[in-house]
Protein backbone atom coordinates (compact mmCIF):
# COMPACT_ATOMS: atom_id res chain seq x y z
CA UNK A 1 0.00 0.00 0.00
CA UNK A 2 1.16 3.53 -0.80
CA UNK A 3 -0.30 6.53 0.96
CA UNK A 4 0.60 9.87 -0.57
CA UNK A 5 1.86 12.61 1.78
CA UNK A 6 0.42 16.09 2.04
CA UNK A 7 0.47 17.97 -1.27
CA UNK A 8 1.37 14.96 -3.40
CA UNK A 9 -2.24 13.74 -3.55
CA UNK A 10 -3.01 16.72 -5.80
CA UNK A 11 -0.64 15.37 -8.44
CA UNK A 12 -2.59 13.16 -10.90
CA UNK A 13 0.42 11.06 -11.89
CA UNK A 14 1.38 10.32 -8.31
CA UNK A 15 -2.26 9.60 -7.50
CA UNK A 16 -2.49 7.12 -10.40
CA UNK A 17 0.66 5.35 -9.25
CA UNK A 18 -0.64 5.11 -5.68
CA UNK A 19 -3.97 3.72 -6.93
CA UNK A 20 -2.07 1.12 -8.97
CA UNK A 21 0.01 0.13 -5.94
CA UNK A 22 -3.06 -0.16 -3.75
CA UNK A 23 -5.14 -2.21 -6.20
CA UNK A 24 -3.09 -5.36 -5.54
CA UNK A 25 0.36 -6.18 -4.11
CA UNK A 26 2.88 -4.84 -6.60
CA UNK A 27 6.27 -3.14 -6.67
CA UNK A 28 6.43 0.16 -8.57
CA UNK A 29 9.32 0.54 -10.99
CA UNK A 30 11.77 3.39 -11.52
CA UNK A 31 13.34 3.36 -14.99
CA UNK A 32 16.72 5.05 -15.31
CA UNK A 33 16.97 7.84 -17.88
CA UNK A 34 20.05 6.39 -19.57
CA UNK A 35 19.08 7.27 -23.17
CA UNK A 36 16.29 8.83 -25.21
CA UNK A 37 15.27 5.41 -26.49
CA UNK A 38 14.88 4.15 -22.93
CA UNK A 39 12.75 7.21 -22.10
CA UNK A 40 10.56 6.69 -25.17
CA UNK A 41 10.31 2.93 -24.59
CA UNK A 42 9.13 3.49 -21.01
CA UNK A 43 6.51 6.01 -22.12
CA UNK A 44 5.29 3.63 -24.84
CA UNK A 45 4.93 0.77 -22.36
CA UNK A 46 2.96 3.02 -20.01
CA UNK A 47 0.57 3.92 -22.86
CA UNK A 48 0.26 0.44 -24.35
CA UNK A 49 -0.41 -1.28 -21.02
CA UNK A 50 -2.09 1.65 -19.20
CA UNK A 51 0.29 1.39 -16.24
CA UNK A 52 2.12 3.90 -14.10
CA UNK A 53 5.88 3.92 -13.91
CA UNK A 54 8.59 6.33 -12.83
CA UNK A 55 11.38 7.81 -14.93
CA UNK A 56 14.36 8.51 -12.68
CA UNK A 57 16.94 11.03 -13.93
CA UNK A 58 20.24 11.53 -12.14
CA UNK A 59 22.02 14.87 -12.38
CA UNK A 60 24.67 13.25 -14.55
CA UNK A 61 21.96 12.24 -17.03
CA UNK A 62 19.76 15.35 -16.94
CA UNK A 63 20.64 18.64 -15.27
CA UNK A 64 19.87 22.34 -15.34
CA UNK A 65 21.03 24.41 -18.29
CA UNK A 66 23.43 26.30 -15.99
CA UNK A 67 25.35 23.06 -15.57
CA UNK A 68 25.32 22.01 -19.21
CA UNK A 69 22.47 19.51 -19.10
CA UNK A 70 23.52 15.85 -18.90
CA UNK A 71 25.03 13.08 -20.98
CA UNK A 72 21.58 12.16 -22.38
CA UNK A 73 21.52 14.48 -25.41
CA UNK A 74 22.41 17.42 -23.16
CA UNK A 75 18.78 17.48 -22.03
CA UNK A 76 17.67 19.84 -19.29
CA UNK A 77 14.74 19.15 -16.91
CA UNK A 78 12.47 21.21 -19.19
CA UNK A 79 13.58 19.24 -22.23
CA UNK A 80 12.83 15.94 -20.50
CA UNK A 81 9.38 16.95 -19.27
CA UNK A 82 8.42 18.38 -22.65
CA UNK A 83 9.42 15.14 -24.39
CA UNK A 84 7.61 12.92 -21.90
CA UNK A 85 4.44 14.99 -21.52
CA UNK A 86 3.99 15.21 -25.30
CA UNK A 87 3.94 11.40 -25.48
CA UNK A 88 2.33 10.46 -22.16
CA UNK A 89 -1.29 10.83 -23.28
CA UNK A 90 -2.58 8.72 -20.37
CA UNK A 91 -0.72 10.86 -17.79
CA UNK A 92 0.93 7.77 -16.31
CA UNK A 93 4.63 8.65 -16.24
CA UNK A 94 6.00 10.06 -12.98
CA UNK A 95 9.14 12.12 -13.65
CA UNK A 96 11.63 11.93 -10.80
CA UNK A 97 14.94 13.49 -9.91
CA UNK A 98 17.28 10.65 -8.91
CA UNK A 99 20.32 11.28 -6.70
CA UNK A 100 19.87 15.02 -6.51
CA UNK A 101 22.17 16.64 -3.99
CA UNK A 102 25.63 18.12 -3.42
CA UNK A 103 28.52 16.78 -5.52
CA UNK A 104 26.09 14.73 -7.64
CA UNK A 105 26.44 16.72 -10.88
CA UNK A 106 28.98 16.30 -13.67
CA UNK A 107 30.34 19.79 -13.02
CA UNK A 108 31.25 18.97 -9.41
CA UNK A 109 34.64 17.77 -8.22
CA UNK A 110 36.21 16.97 -4.88
CA UNK A 111 37.51 20.56 -4.85
CA UNK A 112 33.99 22.04 -4.98
CA UNK A 113 33.35 23.65 -1.61
CA UNK A 114 30.45 22.40 0.53
CA UNK A 115 28.77 25.80 0.25
CA UNK A 116 29.01 25.82 -3.54
CA UNK A 117 27.94 22.17 -3.84
CA UNK A 118 24.85 22.86 -1.73
CA UNK A 119 23.98 25.98 -3.72
CA UNK A 120 24.27 24.08 -7.01
CA UNK A 121 22.07 21.31 -5.60
CA UNK A 122 19.40 23.91 -4.76
CA UNK A 123 19.65 25.43 -8.23
CA UNK A 124 19.26 21.99 -9.80
CA UNK A 125 16.25 21.09 -7.64
CA UNK A 126 14.59 24.44 -8.32
CA UNK A 127 15.02 23.86 -12.07
CA UNK A 128 13.32 20.47 -11.61
CA UNK A 129 10.39 22.11 -9.85
CA UNK A 130 10.10 24.77 -12.53
CA UNK A 131 10.09 22.06 -15.21
CA UNK A 132 7.27 20.16 -13.51
CA UNK A 133 9.03 17.14 -12.00
CA UNK A 134 6.79 15.02 -9.78
CA UNK A 135 9.31 13.72 -7.23
CA UNK A 136 12.68 14.86 -5.90
CA UNK A 137 15.21 12.40 -4.50
CA UNK A 138 17.44 14.27 -2.06
CA UNK A 139 20.64 12.27 -1.67
CA UNK A 140 23.43 13.70 0.49
CA UNK A 141 25.61 10.62 0.79
CA UNK A 142 28.46 12.12 -1.29
CA UNK A 143 31.04 13.84 0.91
CA UNK A 144 34.46 14.24 -0.76
CA UNK A 145 36.21 14.89 2.54
CA UNK A 146 35.85 13.33 5.97
CA UNK A 147 33.04 14.89 7.94
CA UNK A 148 30.90 14.42 11.02
CA UNK A 149 28.37 11.58 10.48
CA UNK A 150 25.52 14.00 11.17
CA UNK A 151 26.53 16.44 8.41
CA UNK A 152 24.87 14.53 5.51
CA UNK A 153 21.66 14.35 7.52
CA UNK A 154 21.74 18.10 8.23
CA UNK A 155 22.38 18.88 4.58
CA UNK A 156 19.42 16.73 3.60
CA UNK A 157 17.14 18.44 6.10
CA UNK A 158 18.17 21.88 4.82
CA UNK A 159 17.59 20.94 1.16
CA UNK A 160 14.28 19.27 2.00
CA UNK A 161 12.99 22.42 3.69
CA UNK A 162 14.25 24.71 0.92
CA UNK A 163 12.67 22.57 -1.82
CA UNK A 164 9.36 22.31 0.02
CA UNK A 165 9.20 26.10 0.47
CA UNK A 166 9.96 26.53 -3.24
CA UNK A 167 7.30 23.98 -4.17
CA UNK A 168 4.67 25.70 -2.03
CA UNK A 169 5.58 29.12 -3.43
CA UNK A 170 5.22 27.80 -6.98
CA UNK A 171 2.14 25.68 -6.26
CA UNK A 172 3.95 22.48 -7.29
CA UNK A 173 2.36 19.22 -6.10
CA UNK A 174 5.42 17.06 -5.53
CA UNK A 175 6.72 14.23 -3.38
CA UNK A 176 10.14 13.54 -1.88
CA UNK A 177 12.51 10.61 -1.64
CA UNK A 178 15.38 10.72 0.87
CA UNK A 179 18.62 8.92 1.61
CA UNK A 180 21.96 9.79 3.18
CA UNK A 181 23.90 6.52 3.02
CA UNK A 182 26.00 5.12 0.19
CA UNK A 183 24.82 2.15 -1.87
CA UNK A 184 26.09 -1.09 -0.38
CA UNK A 185 26.11 -4.69 -1.55
CA UNK A 186 24.96 -5.84 1.88
CA UNK A 187 22.12 -4.95 4.19
CA UNK A 188 22.88 -2.19 6.67
CA UNK A 189 21.63 -1.56 10.17
CA UNK A 190 18.49 0.45 10.80
CA UNK A 191 20.04 3.13 13.00
CA UNK A 192 21.08 5.62 10.30
CA UNK A 193 17.76 5.64 8.40
CA UNK A 194 15.87 5.73 11.70
CA UNK A 195 17.77 8.86 12.77
CA UNK A 196 17.03 10.50 9.44
CA UNK A 197 13.33 9.68 9.60
CA UNK A 198 13.14 10.87 13.22
CA UNK A 199 14.74 14.18 12.21
CA UNK A 200 12.30 14.56 9.32
CA UNK A 201 9.39 13.84 11.66
CA UNK A 202 10.62 16.56 14.02
CA UNK A 203 10.85 19.03 11.13
CA UNK A 204 7.36 18.01 10.07
CA UNK A 205 6.03 19.00 13.48
CA UNK A 206 7.97 22.27 13.71
CA UNK A 207 8.07 23.40 10.07
CA UNK A 208 5.08 21.65 8.50
CA UNK A 209 7.08 19.83 5.84
CA UNK A 210 5.42 16.64 4.57
CA UNK A 211 6.66 13.10 5.12
CA UNK A 212 8.81 11.72 2.31
CA UNK A 213 7.04 9.36 -0.05
CA UNK A 214 10.08 7.07 -0.24
CA UNK A 215 13.20 6.41 1.80
CA UNK A 216 16.23 4.63 0.35
CA UNK A 217 17.59 1.95 2.67
CA UNK A 218 20.14 -0.74 1.86
CA UNK A 219 18.53 -4.11 1.18
CA UNK A 220 21.59 -5.88 -0.24
CA UNK A 221 21.55 -4.91 -3.92
CA UNK A 222 24.49 -3.58 -5.91
CA UNK A 223 25.22 -3.60 -9.64
CA UNK A 224 28.67 -4.48 -10.90
CA UNK A 225 29.48 -5.44 -14.47
CA UNK A 226 26.35 -7.23 -15.77
CA UNK A 227 25.24 -8.81 -12.53
CA UNK A 228 23.91 -8.02 -9.10
CA UNK A 229 26.51 -8.81 -6.49
CA UNK A 230 24.37 -7.90 -3.49
CA UNK A 231 23.42 -10.15 -0.63
CA UNK A 232 19.69 -10.04 -1.50
CA UNK A 233 20.09 -12.71 -4.15
CA UNK A 234 23.05 -14.56 -2.62
CA UNK A 235 22.33 -18.31 -2.53
CA UNK A 236 24.04 -18.66 0.86
CA UNK A 237 24.32 -16.89 4.19
CA UNK A 238 26.92 -14.10 4.39
CA UNK A 239 28.98 -13.89 7.55
CA UNK A 240 27.85 -11.18 9.95
CA UNK A 241 24.90 -10.36 7.70
CA UNK A 242 21.27 -10.60 8.73
CA UNK A 243 19.33 -12.67 6.17
CA UNK A 244 16.86 -10.73 4.04
CA UNK A 245 13.98 -12.80 5.41
CA UNK A 246 14.72 -11.30 8.84
CA UNK A 247 16.09 -7.90 7.87
CA UNK A 248 13.34 -6.83 5.47
CA UNK A 249 10.38 -7.34 7.84
CA UNK A 250 12.21 -5.29 10.50
CA UNK A 251 13.03 -2.64 7.93
CA UNK A 252 9.47 -2.48 6.63
CA UNK A 253 8.05 -2.21 10.14
CA UNK A 254 10.31 0.77 10.89
CA UNK A 255 9.53 2.53 7.61
CA UNK A 256 5.79 1.99 7.96
CA UNK A 257 5.88 3.42 11.48
CA UNK A 258 7.14 6.71 10.02
CA UNK A 259 4.41 6.79 7.36
CA UNK A 260 6.76 6.41 4.41
CA UNK A 261 7.72 3.70 1.91
CA UNK A 262 10.79 1.75 0.81
CA UNK A 263 12.51 2.46 -2.50
CA UNK A 264 15.22 -0.05 -3.42
CA UNK A 265 18.03 1.05 -5.70
CA UNK A 266 20.34 -1.12 -7.85
CA UNK A 267 17.72 -3.75 -8.71
CA UNK A 268 19.31 -4.54 -12.09
CA UNK A 269 20.18 -8.08 -13.18
CA UNK A 270 18.22 -9.91 -10.49
CA UNK A 271 16.68 -13.22 -11.57
CA UNK A 272 12.91 -13.45 -12.01
CA UNK A 273 12.55 -15.54 -8.87
CA UNK A 274 14.03 -12.77 -6.72
CA UNK A 275 12.11 -10.03 -8.55
CA UNK A 276 8.85 -11.89 -8.00
CA UNK A 277 9.44 -11.84 -4.26
CA UNK A 278 9.54 -8.03 -4.16
CA UNK A 279 5.75 -7.49 -4.03
CA UNK A 280 5.37 -10.30 -1.50
CA UNK A 281 8.09 -8.82 0.71
CA UNK A 282 6.31 -5.46 0.60
CA UNK A 283 9.05 -3.56 -1.26
CA UNK A 284 7.12 -0.56 -2.50
CA UNK A 285 9.38 0.56 -5.35
CA UNK A 286 12.62 -0.47 -7.05
CA UNK A 287 14.96 1.25 -9.51
CA UNK A 288 16.57 -0.30 -12.58
CA UNK A 289 18.89 1.73 -14.82
CA UNK A 290 22.13 0.41 -16.39
CA UNK A 291 20.48 -2.85 -17.44
CA UNK A 292 18.35 -0.91 -19.94
CA UNK A 293 21.35 0.95 -21.33
CA UNK A 294 23.20 -2.32 -21.81
CA UNK A 295 20.16 -3.79 -23.60
CA UNK A 296 20.22 -0.90 -26.05
CA UNK A 297 23.94 -1.34 -26.68
CA UNK A 298 23.45 -5.07 -27.26
CA UNK A 299 20.61 -4.32 -29.65
CA UNK A 300 22.77 -1.89 -31.56
CA UNK A 301 25.59 -4.44 -31.85
CA UNK A 302 23.09 -7.06 -33.00
CA UNK A 303 22.03 -4.82 -35.89
CA UNK A 304 25.60 -3.92 -36.80
CA UNK A 305 27.08 -7.40 -36.64
CA UNK A 306 24.02 -9.13 -38.01
CA UNK A 307 23.84 -6.97 -41.12
CA UNK A 308 27.44 -6.85 -42.27
CA UNK A 309 28.62 -3.74 -40.44
CA UNK A 310 31.14 -5.27 -38.02
CA UNK A 311 33.58 -2.44 -38.70
CA UNK A 312 31.00 0.01 -37.34
CA UNK A 313 30.53 -2.21 -34.30
CA UNK A 314 34.28 -1.99 -33.66
CA UNK A 315 34.17 1.80 -33.95
CA UNK A 316 31.31 1.93 -31.45
CA UNK A 317 33.04 -0.43 -29.02
CA UNK A 318 36.30 1.51 -29.22
CA UNK A 319 34.50 4.80 -28.60
CA UNK A 320 32.69 3.39 -25.57
CA UNK A 321 35.79 1.72 -24.17
CA UNK A 322 37.85 4.89 -24.47
CA UNK A 323 35.46 6.78 -22.16
CA UNK A 324 36.63 4.51 -19.34
CA UNK A 325 33.15 4.87 -17.86
CA UNK A 326 33.25 1.10 -17.41
CA UNK A 327 35.75 1.43 -14.57
CA UNK A 328 33.00 2.19 -12.04
CA UNK A 329 31.29 -1.10 -12.89
CA UNK A 330 34.29 -3.45 -12.90
CA UNK A 331 34.85 -5.95 -10.09
CA UNK A 332 38.27 -6.46 -8.56
CA UNK A 333 40.00 -9.35 -10.25
CA UNK A 334 37.50 -9.31 -13.10
CA UNK A 335 37.95 -11.60 -16.10
CA UNK A 336 35.92 -9.24 -18.32
CA UNK A 337 37.04 -8.61 -21.88
CA UNK A 338 37.45 -5.18 -23.44
CA UNK A 339 34.26 -5.90 -25.39
CA UNK A 340 32.42 -6.49 -22.11
CA UNK A 341 33.76 -3.24 -20.70
CA UNK A 342 32.70 -1.29 -23.78
CA UNK A 343 29.17 -2.71 -23.57
CA UNK A 344 28.80 -1.55 -19.95
CA UNK A 345 29.75 1.96 -21.09
CA UNK A 346 27.93 2.01 -24.44
CA UNK A 347 25.00 4.20 -23.43
CA UNK A 348 27.31 6.98 -22.25
CA UNK A 349 28.33 7.79 -25.84
CA UNK A 350 24.95 7.88 -27.60
CA UNK A 351 25.11 11.70 -27.76
CA UNK A 352 28.75 11.94 -28.83
CA UNK A 353 29.45 13.40 -32.30
CA UNK A 354 31.53 10.35 -33.25
CA UNK A 355 28.69 8.01 -32.31
CA UNK A 356 26.26 10.07 -34.37
CA UNK A 357 28.58 9.62 -37.34
CA UNK A 358 28.71 5.86 -36.69
CA UNK A 359 24.93 5.77 -36.48
CA UNK A 360 24.56 7.73 -39.75
CA UNK A 361 26.96 5.33 -41.47
CA UNK A 362 24.97 2.37 -40.13
CA UNK A 363 21.65 3.72 -41.39
CA UNK A 364 23.11 4.28 -44.85
CA UNK A 365 24.90 0.92 -44.92
CA UNK A 366 21.97 -1.29 -43.91
CA UNK A 367 19.26 0.73 -45.67
CA UNK A 368 17.28 1.53 -42.52
CA UNK A 369 15.68 4.81 -41.61
CA UNK A 370 16.56 6.45 -38.32
CA UNK A 371 13.05 5.68 -37.10
CA UNK A 372 13.32 2.00 -38.06
CA UNK A 373 16.57 1.66 -36.10
CA UNK A 374 15.05 3.30 -33.01
CA UNK A 375 11.95 1.10 -33.22
CA UNK A 376 14.16 -2.00 -33.29
CA UNK A 377 16.18 -0.80 -30.30
CA UNK A 378 13.08 0.19 -28.31
CA UNK A 379 11.54 -3.23 -28.99
CA UNK A 380 14.43 -4.85 -27.15
CA UNK A 381 14.29 -2.35 -24.27
CA UNK A 382 10.52 -2.81 -23.93
CA UNK A 383 10.87 -6.59 -23.71
CA UNK A 384 13.30 -6.15 -20.82
CA UNK A 385 11.05 -3.61 -19.10
CA UNK A 386 7.98 -5.83 -19.49
CA UNK A 387 9.83 -8.72 -17.85
CA UNK A 388 10.42 -6.51 -14.82
CA UNK A 389 6.85 -5.19 -14.75
CA UNK A 390 5.47 -8.73 -14.90
CA UNK A 391 7.75 -9.90 -12.09
CA UNK A 392 6.67 -6.90 -10.00
CA UNK A 393 2.98 -7.72 -10.69
CA UNK A 394 2.32 -4.37 -12.36
CA UNK A 395 1.21 -6.11 -15.56
CA UNK A 396 -0.06 -9.70 -15.85
CA UNK A 397 2.41 -12.42 -16.90
């Protein structure tokens, strides 16, 4: 069950998602904005199956014009909402900021001062509100230098209050998602999220801010390479780790007591059996992102290599590999090939001028139109998305 907090119940897209969640046990999905084809595929699935889903855009993917947009076609929040709203005729797509907060943008570095990083986070959030985003994820887990453990929590509280005041002033019906701990491959204790939720409850009483719709807590999921290395799907007990069967009920009880809901991140590459347990375990929402980007890259390679354009495939793989974006996904001691690494990083180059030249050469070589290529790629993405929606009981199997 999902109960919308104050203000959010006036948002028709959030209301439709809550109604969907409350009709039967299901886990709501957040689809990472890793490419325009993934965005369009998600919107098409929402229309074709009349279901609600969330598009989750990190600051690296989509950001305010002041910060140069993001790696997805340089799109700004306004550009994303205009694209989605023009296609979302059923009003079913919830547009969310994912991992908004200090040091989360592409323009930030470890040398960016805390004051400047916080100001840029506010500017980014305010641009989201102006563009008509439905949900803001305030994530203050990034701290380039050692700091007091309570500092991320205080930063989150300050941003939460500032964004709520801005939303009220602009008459924006939005919801919030919160988190101040880094993604981990194992379950974490409940003390840190409990302290955060207690502090938010105190602010709610003193300042009138609403409860967050979602809280991000570690459930033992983490994406590396093309697999999930977290403890949630481990086939055996992990030393000094509480099993999910014990941890999750305790976690859910705590979250429910604060009137909010669990959002799980890093849900990519889990087997159907584990995904199907999510609604039964009461996990309210789960995010999947790089898996869709990898599916698009695999689809592109299938077209290239299947239609006599292997030289273009090599150009694409070299371009992706040279970004070295794959480094963040690689496991220690990995036996991955350079081809594997390039595939993990493929979606990062879809807006690059060299990739656009490769794409133009492909279209000419295989006698496809640009639209026909995109339809073929979206077909593969949609099949992957439908598998997740079926496992989460959002659409029938």
